[in-house]
PDB file of N, CA and C in Angstrom:
ATOM      1  N   MET A   1       4.007 -20.045  23.153  1.00  0.00           N
ATOM      2  CA  MET A   1       4.152 -20.896  21.998  1.00  0.00           C
ATOM      3  C   MET A   1       4.002 -20.053  20.735  1.00  0.00           C
ATOM      4  N   ILE A   2       4.877 -20.262  19.770  1.00  0.00           N
ATOM      5  CA  ILE A   2       4.840 -19.534  18.497  1.00  0.00           C
ATOM      6  C   ILE A   2       4.183 -20.429  17.457  1.00  0.00           C
ATOM      7  N   GLN A   3       3.194 -19.859  16.776  1.00  0.00           N
ATOM      8  CA  GLN A   3       2.508 -20.608  15.723  1.00  0.00           C
ATOM      9  C   GLN A   3       2.885 -20.002  14.382  1.00  0.00           C
ATOM     10  N   LEU A   4       3.346 -20.832  13.463  1.00  0.00           N
ATOM     11  CA  LEU A   4       3.709 -20.367  12.130  1.00  0.00           C
ATOM     12  C   LEU A   4       2.503 -20.434  11.216  1.00  0.00           C
ATOM     13  N   VAL A   5       2.263 -19.346  10.510  1.00  0.00           N
ATOM     14  CA  VAL A   5       1.142 -19.267   9.578  1.00  0.00           C
ATOM     15  C   VAL A   5       1.717 -19.180   8.175  1.00  0.00           C
ATOM     16  N   PRO A   6       1.216 -19.992   7.247  1.00  0.00           N
ATOM     17  CA  PRO A   6       1.739 -19.921   5.885  1.00  0.00           C
ATOM     18  C   PRO A   6       1.545 -18.527   5.295  1.00  0.00           C
ATOM     19  N   ALA A   7       2.551 -18.087   4.579  1.00  0.00           N
ATOM     20  CA  ALA A   7       2.488 -16.763   3.942  1.00  0.00           C
ATOM     21  C   ALA A   7       1.485 -16.791   2.796  1.00  0.00           C
ATOM     22  N   GLN A   8       0.782 -15.713   2.643  1.00  0.00           N
ATOM     23  CA  GLN A   8      -0.156 -15.576   1.529  1.00  0.00           C
ATOM     24  C   GLN A   8       0.629 -15.198   0.276  1.00  0.00           C
ATOM     25  N   PRO A   9       0.210 -15.689  -0.898  1.00  0.00           N
ATOM     26  CA  PRO A   9       0.905 -15.280  -2.126  1.00  0.00           C
ATOM     27  C   PRO A   9       0.765 -13.782  -2.342  1.00  0.00           C
ATOM     28  N   THR A  10       1.809 -13.187  -2.855  1.00  0.00           N
ATOM     29  CA  THR A  10       1.794 -11.752  -3.121  1.00  0.00           C
ATOM     30  C   THR A  10       0.884 -11.461  -4.298  1.00  0.00           C
ATOM     31  N   THR A  11       0.062 -10.446  -4.165  1.00  0.00           N
ATOM     32  CA  THR A  11      -0.827 -10.023  -5.240  1.00  0.00           C
ATOM     33  C   THR A  11      -0.397  -8.640  -5.697  1.00  0.00           C
ATOM     34  N   TYR A  12      -0.237  -8.490  -6.986  1.00  0.00           N
ATOM     35  CA  TYR A  12       0.157  -7.211  -7.552  1.00  0.00           C
ATOM     36  C   TYR A  12      -1.062  -6.565  -8.196  1.00  0.00           C
ATOM     37  N   THR A  13      -1.270  -5.304  -7.901  1.00  0.00           N
ATOM     38  CA  THR A  13      -2.435  -4.605  -8.428  1.00  0.00           C
ATOM     39  C   THR A  13      -2.029  -3.423  -9.293  1.00  0.00           C
ATOM     40  N   ILE A  14      -0.911  -3.509  -9.943  1.00  0.00           N
ATOM     41  CA  ILE A  14      -0.448  -2.422 -10.803  1.00  0.00           C
ATOM     42  C   ILE A  14      -1.191  -2.510 -12.129  1.00  0.00           C
ATOM     43  N   MET A  15      -1.744  -1.381 -12.549  1.00  0.00           N
ATOM     44  CA  MET A  15      -2.519  -1.360 -13.779  1.00  0.00           C
ATOM     45  C   MET A  15      -1.632  -1.515 -15.013  1.00  0.00           C
ATOM     46  N   ASP A  16      -0.526  -0.786 -15.061  1.00  0.00           N
ATOM     47  CA  ASP A  16       0.377  -0.849 -16.197  1.00  0.00           C
ATOM     48  C   ASP A  16       1.625  -1.612 -15.813  1.00  0.00           C
ATOM     49  N   LYS A  17       2.300  -2.134 -16.820  1.00  0.00           N
ATOM     50  CA  LYS A  17       3.552  -2.834 -16.557  1.00  0.00           C
ATOM     51  C   LYS A  17       4.649  -1.838 -16.221  1.00  0.00           C
ATOM     52  N   ILE A  18       5.600  -2.307 -15.443  1.00  0.00           N
ATOM     53  CA  ILE A  18       6.800  -1.515 -15.169  1.00  0.00           C
ATOM     54  C   ILE A  18       7.762  -1.803 -16.299  1.00  0.00           C
ATOM     55  N   ARG A  19       8.120  -0.771 -17.030  1.00  0.00           N
ATOM     56  CA  ARG A  19       8.991  -0.944 -18.198  1.00  0.00           C
ATOM     57  C   ARG A  19      10.438  -0.671 -17.804  1.00  0.00           C
ATOM     58  N   ILE A  20      11.309  -1.613 -18.161  1.00  0.00           N
ATOM     59  CA  ILE A  20      12.733  -1.491 -17.895  1.00  0.00           C
ATOM     60  C   ILE A  20      13.432  -1.358 -19.242  1.00  0.00           C
ATOM     61  N   LEU A  21      14.119  -0.242 -19.441  1.00  0.00           N
ATOM     62  CA  LEU A  21      14.869  -0.014 -20.674  1.00  0.00           C
ATOM     63  C   LEU A  21      16.340  -0.227 -20.374  1.00  0.00           C
ATOM     64  N   PHE A  22      16.935  -1.234 -20.981  1.00  0.00           N
ATOM     65  CA  PHE A  22      18.349  -1.562 -20.797  1.00  0.00           C
ATOM     66  C   PHE A  22      19.083  -1.041 -22.024  1.00  0.00           C
ATOM     67  N   VAL A  23      19.797   0.069 -21.861  1.00  0.00           N
ATOM     68  CA  VAL A  23      20.559   0.689 -22.949  1.00  0.00           C
ATOM     69  C   VAL A  23      22.024   0.389 -22.703  1.00  0.00           C
ATOM     70  N   SER A  24      22.715  -0.058 -23.741  1.00  0.00           N
ATOM     71  CA  SER A  24      24.115  -0.442 -23.547  1.00  0.00           C
ATOM     72  C   SER A  24      24.983  -0.018 -24.734  1.00  0.00           C
ATOM     73  N   ALA A  25      26.271   0.125 -24.443  1.00  0.00           N
ATOM     74  CA  ALA A  25      27.266   0.396 -25.479  1.00  0.00           C
ATOM     75  C   ALA A  25      28.615  -0.049 -24.948  1.00  0.00           C
ATOM     76  N   ASN A  26      29.430  -0.583 -25.824  1.00  0.00           N
ATOM     77  CA  ASN A  26      30.788  -0.979 -25.466  1.00  0.00           C
ATOM     78  C   ASN A  26      31.730   0.193 -25.716  1.00  0.00           C
ATOM     79  N   PRO A  27      32.646   0.469 -24.797  1.00  0.00           N
ATOM     80  CA  PRO A  27      33.620   1.536 -25.027  1.00  0.00           C
ATOM     81  C   PRO A  27      34.601   1.133 -26.128  1.00  0.00           C
ATOM     82  N   HIS A  28      35.092   2.112 -26.879  1.00  0.00           N
ATOM     83  CA  HIS A  28      36.017   1.828 -27.983  1.00  0.00           C
ATOM     84  C   HIS A  28      37.358   1.298 -27.485  1.00  0.00           C
ATOM     85  N   GLU A  29      37.833   1.815 -26.352  1.00  0.00           N
ATOM     86  CA  GLU A  29      39.167   1.465 -25.860  1.00  0.00           C
ATOM     87  C   GLU A  29      39.241   0.091 -25.215  1.00  0.00           C
ATOM     88  N   LYS A  30      38.131  -0.463 -24.860  1.00  0.00           N
ATOM     89  CA  LYS A  30      38.115  -1.718 -24.114  1.00  0.00           C
ATOM     90  C   LYS A  30      37.506  -2.825 -24.954  1.00  0.00           C
ATOM     91  N   GLY A  31      37.646  -4.048 -24.465  1.00  0.00           N
ATOM     92  CA  GLY A  31      37.042  -5.187 -25.142  1.00  0.00           C
ATOM     93  C   GLY A  31      35.541  -5.227 -24.919  1.00  0.00           C
ATOM     94  N   ALA A  32      34.903  -6.177 -25.557  1.00  0.00           N
ATOM     95  CA  ALA A  32      33.456  -6.330 -25.420  1.00  0.00           C
ATOM     96  C   ALA A  32      33.087  -6.624 -23.969  1.00  0.00           C
ATOM     97  N   LEU A  33      31.976  -6.068 -23.509  1.00  0.00           N
ATOM     98  CA  LEU A  33      31.556  -6.196 -22.120  1.00  0.00           C
ATOM     99  C   LEU A  33      30.538  -7.320 -21.898  1.00  0.00           C
ATOM    100  N   ARG A  34      30.205  -8.089 -22.908  1.00  0.00           N
ATOM    101  CA  ARG A  34      29.225  -9.185 -22.806  1.00  0.00           C
ATOM    102  C   ARG A  34      27.882  -8.674 -22.294  1.00  0.00           C
ATOM    103  N   LEU A  35      27.427  -7.574 -22.864  1.00  0.00           N
ATOM    104  CA  LEU A  35      26.182  -6.947 -22.417  1.00  0.00           C
ATOM    105  C   LEU A  35      24.961  -7.794 -22.749  1.00  0.00           C
ATOM    106  N   GLY A  36      25.029  -8.522 -23.855  1.00  0.00           N
ATOM    107  CA  GLY A  36      23.926  -9.413 -24.202  1.00  0.00           C
ATOM    108  C   GLY A  36      23.712 -10.480 -23.145  1.00  0.00           C
ATOM    109  N   GLU A  37      24.809 -10.985 -22.596  1.00  0.00           N
ATOM    110  CA  GLU A  37      24.707 -11.983 -21.534  1.00  0.00           C
ATOM    111  C   GLU A  37      24.083 -11.375 -20.276  1.00  0.00           C
ATOM    112  N   GLU A  38      24.466 -10.137 -19.965  1.00  0.00           N
ATOM    113  CA  GLU A  38      23.909  -9.481 -18.780  1.00  0.00           C
ATOM    114  C   GLU A  38      22.404  -9.271 -18.904  1.00  0.00           C
ATOM    115  N   VAL A  39      21.946  -8.828 -20.063  1.00  0.00           N
ATOM    116  CA  VAL A  39      20.509  -8.602 -20.240  1.00  0.00           C
ATOM    117  C   VAL A  39      19.776  -9.940 -20.229  1.00  0.00           C
ATOM    118  N   ARG A  40      20.400 -11.009 -20.715  1.00  0.00           N
ATOM    119  CA  ARG A  40      19.794 -12.333 -20.681  1.00  0.00           C
ATOM    120  C   ARG A  40      19.595 -12.792 -19.231  1.00  0.00           C
ATOM    121  N   VAL A  41      20.623 -12.577 -18.398  1.00  0.00           N
ATOM    122  CA  VAL A  41      20.533 -12.966 -16.983  1.00  0.00           C
ATOM    123  C   VAL A  41      19.431 -12.178 -16.279  1.00  0.00           C
ATOM    124  N   ILE A  42      19.329 -10.889 -16.569  1.00  0.00           N
ATOM    125  CA  ILE A  42      18.271 -10.060 -15.973  1.00  0.00           C
ATOM    126  C   ILE A  42      16.898 -10.552 -16.423  1.00  0.00           C
ATOM    127  N   GLY A  43      16.765 -10.830 -17.718  1.00  0.00           N
ATOM    128  CA  GLY A  43      15.492 -11.332 -18.245  1.00  0.00           C
ATOM    129  C   GLY A  43      15.084 -12.655 -17.629  1.00  0.00           C
ATOM    130  N   GLU A  44      16.055 -13.550 -17.434  1.00  0.00           N
ATOM    131  CA  GLU A  44      15.761 -14.839 -16.812  1.00  0.00           C
ATOM    132  C   GLU A  44      15.330 -14.665 -15.353  1.00  0.00           C
ATOM    133  N   ALA A  45      15.979 -13.734 -14.644  1.00  0.00           N
ATOM    134  CA  ALA A  45      15.600 -13.480 -13.248  1.00  0.00           C
ATOM    135  C   ALA A  45      14.176 -12.945 -13.173  1.00  0.00           C
ATOM    136  N   ILE A  46      13.812 -12.076 -14.092  1.00  0.00           N
ATOM    137  CA  ILE A  46      12.442 -11.553 -14.132  1.00  0.00           C
ATOM    138  C   ILE A  46      11.472 -12.690 -14.439  1.00  0.00           C
ATOM    139  N   SER A  47      11.825 -13.561 -15.382  1.00  0.00           N
ATOM    140  CA  SER A  47      10.950 -14.671 -15.760  1.00  0.00           C
ATOM    141  C   SER A  47      10.679 -15.625 -14.606  1.00  0.00           C
ATOM    142  N   ARG A  48      11.661 -15.806 -13.740  1.00  0.00           N
ATOM    143  CA  ARG A  48      11.521 -16.721 -12.599  1.00  0.00           C
ATOM    144  C   ARG A  48      10.775 -16.093 -11.417  1.00  0.00           C
ATOM    145  N   SER A  49      10.635 -14.781 -11.413  1.00  0.00           N
ATOM    146  CA  SER A  49      10.034 -14.112 -10.259  1.00  0.00           C
ATOM    147  C   SER A  49       8.512 -14.244 -10.262  1.00  0.00           C
ATOM    148  N   GLN A  50       7.916 -14.066  -9.087  1.00  0.00           N
ATOM    149  CA  GLN A  50       6.458 -14.098  -8.977  1.00  0.00           C
ATOM    150  C   GLN A  50       5.825 -12.914  -9.694  1.00  0.00           C
ATOM    151  N   ALA A  51       6.566 -11.846  -9.843  1.00  0.00           N
ATOM    152  CA  ALA A  51       6.046 -10.621 -10.458  1.00  0.00           C
ATOM    153  C   ALA A  51       6.406 -10.520 -11.935  1.00  0.00           C
ATOM    154  N   ARG A  52       6.663 -11.657 -12.585  1.00  0.00           N
ATOM    155  CA  ARG A  52       7.134 -11.624 -13.981  1.00  0.00           C
ATOM    156  C   ARG A  52       6.180 -10.916 -14.930  1.00  0.00           C
ATOM    157  N   ASP A  53       4.880 -10.963 -14.640  1.00  0.00           N
ATOM    158  CA  ASP A  53       3.906 -10.317 -15.521  1.00  0.00           C
ATOM    159  C   ASP A  53       3.838  -8.809 -15.310  1.00  0.00           C
ATOM    160  N   VAL A  54       4.505  -8.315 -14.286  1.00  0.00           N
ATOM    161  CA  VAL A  54       4.468  -6.891 -13.964  1.00  0.00           C
ATOM    162  C   VAL A  54       5.525  -6.123 -14.764  1.00  0.00           C
ATOM    163  N   PHE A  55       6.603  -6.813 -15.177  1.00  0.00           N
ATOM    164  CA  PHE A  55       7.739  -6.147 -15.814  1.00  0.00           C
ATOM    165  C   PHE A  55       7.799  -6.411 -17.312  1.00  0.00           C
ATOM    166  N   GLU A  56       8.292  -5.415 -18.026  1.00  0.00           N
ATOM    167  CA  GLU A  56       8.553  -5.532 -19.461  1.00  0.00           C
ATOM    168  C   GLU A  56       9.975  -5.036 -19.703  1.00  0.00           C
ATOM    169  N   LEU A  57      10.859  -5.918 -20.154  1.00  0.00           N
ATOM    170  CA  LEU A  57      12.269  -5.588 -20.375  1.00  0.00           C
ATOM    171  C   LEU A  57      12.514  -5.344 -21.849  1.00  0.00           C
ATOM    172  N   THR A  58      13.108  -4.183 -22.166  1.00  0.00           N
ATOM    173  CA  THR A  58      13.477  -3.842 -23.536  1.00  0.00           C
ATOM    174  C   THR A  58      14.978  -3.603 -23.576  1.00  0.00           C
ATOM    175  N   PHE A  59      15.653  -4.210 -24.544  1.00  0.00           N
ATOM    176  CA  PHE A  59      17.104  -4.098 -24.686  1.00  0.00           C
ATOM    177  C   PHE A  59      17.423  -3.309 -25.941  1.00  0.00           C
ATOM    178  N   GLN A  60      18.197  -2.233 -25.792  1.00  0.00           N
ATOM    179  CA  GLN A  60      18.625  -1.398 -26.918  1.00  0.00           C
ATOM    180  C   GLN A  60      20.154  -1.376 -26.945  1.00  0.00           C
ATOM    181  N   PRO A  61      20.793  -2.253 -27.716  1.00  0.00           N
ATOM    182  CA  PRO A  61      22.258  -2.253 -27.770  1.00  0.00           C
ATOM    183  C   PRO A  61      22.784  -1.139 -28.686  1.00  0.00           C
ATOM    184  N   ALA A  62      23.662  -0.310 -28.155  1.00  0.00           N
ATOM    185  CA  ALA A  62      24.323   0.776 -28.890  1.00  0.00           C
ATOM    186  C   ALA A  62      23.372   1.583 -29.767  1.00  0.00           C
ATOM    187  N   PRO A  63      22.331   2.148 -29.185  1.00  0.00           N
ATOM    188  CA  PRO A  63      21.372   2.884 -29.994  1.00  0.00           C
ATOM    189  C   PRO A  63      21.864   4.299 -30.319  1.00  0.00           C
ATOM    190  N   PRO A  64      21.454   4.844 -31.473  1.00  0.00           N
ATOM    191  CA  PRO A  64      21.721   6.262 -31.732  1.00  0.00           C
ATOM    192  C   PRO A  64      20.846   7.120 -30.822  1.00  0.00           C
ATOM    193  N   MET A  65      21.188   8.374 -30.681  1.00  0.00           N
ATOM    194  CA  MET A  65      20.483   9.259 -29.754  1.00  0.00           C
ATOM    195  C   MET A  65      18.984   9.324 -30.043  1.00  0.00           C
ATOM    196  N   GLN A  66      18.580   9.343 -31.293  1.00  0.00           N
ATOM    197  CA  GLN A  66      17.155   9.398 -31.641  1.00  0.00           C
ATOM    198  C   GLN A  66      16.429   8.144 -31.160  1.00  0.00           C
ATOM    199  N   ALA A  67      17.066   6.986 -31.238  1.00  0.00           N
ATOM    200  CA  ALA A  67      16.444   5.749 -30.768  1.00  0.00           C
ATOM    201  C   ALA A  67      16.253   5.782 -29.254  1.00  0.00           C
ATOM    202  N   ILE A  68      17.178   6.397 -28.526  1.00  0.00           N
ATOM    203  CA  ILE A  68      17.039   6.521 -27.076  1.00  0.00           C
ATOM    204  C   ILE A  68      15.824   7.390 -26.755  1.00  0.00           C
ATOM    205  N   SER A  69      15.684   8.509 -27.452  1.00  0.00           N
ATOM    206  CA  SER A  69      14.534   9.398 -27.240  1.00  0.00           C
ATOM    207  C   SER A  69      13.234   8.667 -27.523  1.00  0.00           C
ATOM    208  N   ASN A  70      13.182   7.926 -28.616  1.00  0.00           N
ATOM    209  CA  ASN A  70      11.973   7.182 -28.974  1.00  0.00           C
ATOM    210  C   ASN A  70      11.654   6.100 -27.954  1.00  0.00           C
ATOM    211  N   ALA A  71      12.670   5.400 -27.474  1.00  0.00           N
ATOM    212  CA  ALA A  71      12.458   4.336 -26.494  1.00  0.00           C
ATOM    213  C   ALA A  71      11.953   4.897 -25.180  1.00  0.00           C
ATOM    214  N   LEU A  72      12.440   6.071 -24.779  1.00  0.00           N
ATOM    215  CA  LEU A  72      11.984   6.674 -23.535  1.00  0.00           C
ATOM    216  C   LEU A  72      10.534   7.147 -23.629  1.00  0.00           C
ATOM    217  N   LEU A  73      10.125   7.535 -24.816  1.00  0.00           N
ATOM    218  CA  LEU A  73       8.734   7.990 -24.994  1.00  0.00           C
ATOM    219  C   LEU A  73       7.818   6.806 -25.063  1.00  0.00           C
TER     220      LEU A  73
END
């Protein structure tokens, strides 16, 4: 006989948040890629997850090179 045991809630013990840097740019030759919509969908998926407090999402649309360096630091 198989007995089913309820799963225990997942516990996260990470001290610091996992930072996600979403850097985007649209190519000149092509139309807009709707990158804002993509980052919104990713953010909503993180918000719905059990680990939502573990992640920090930062969006940098078309940043200059210095802004990329600063964001990575």
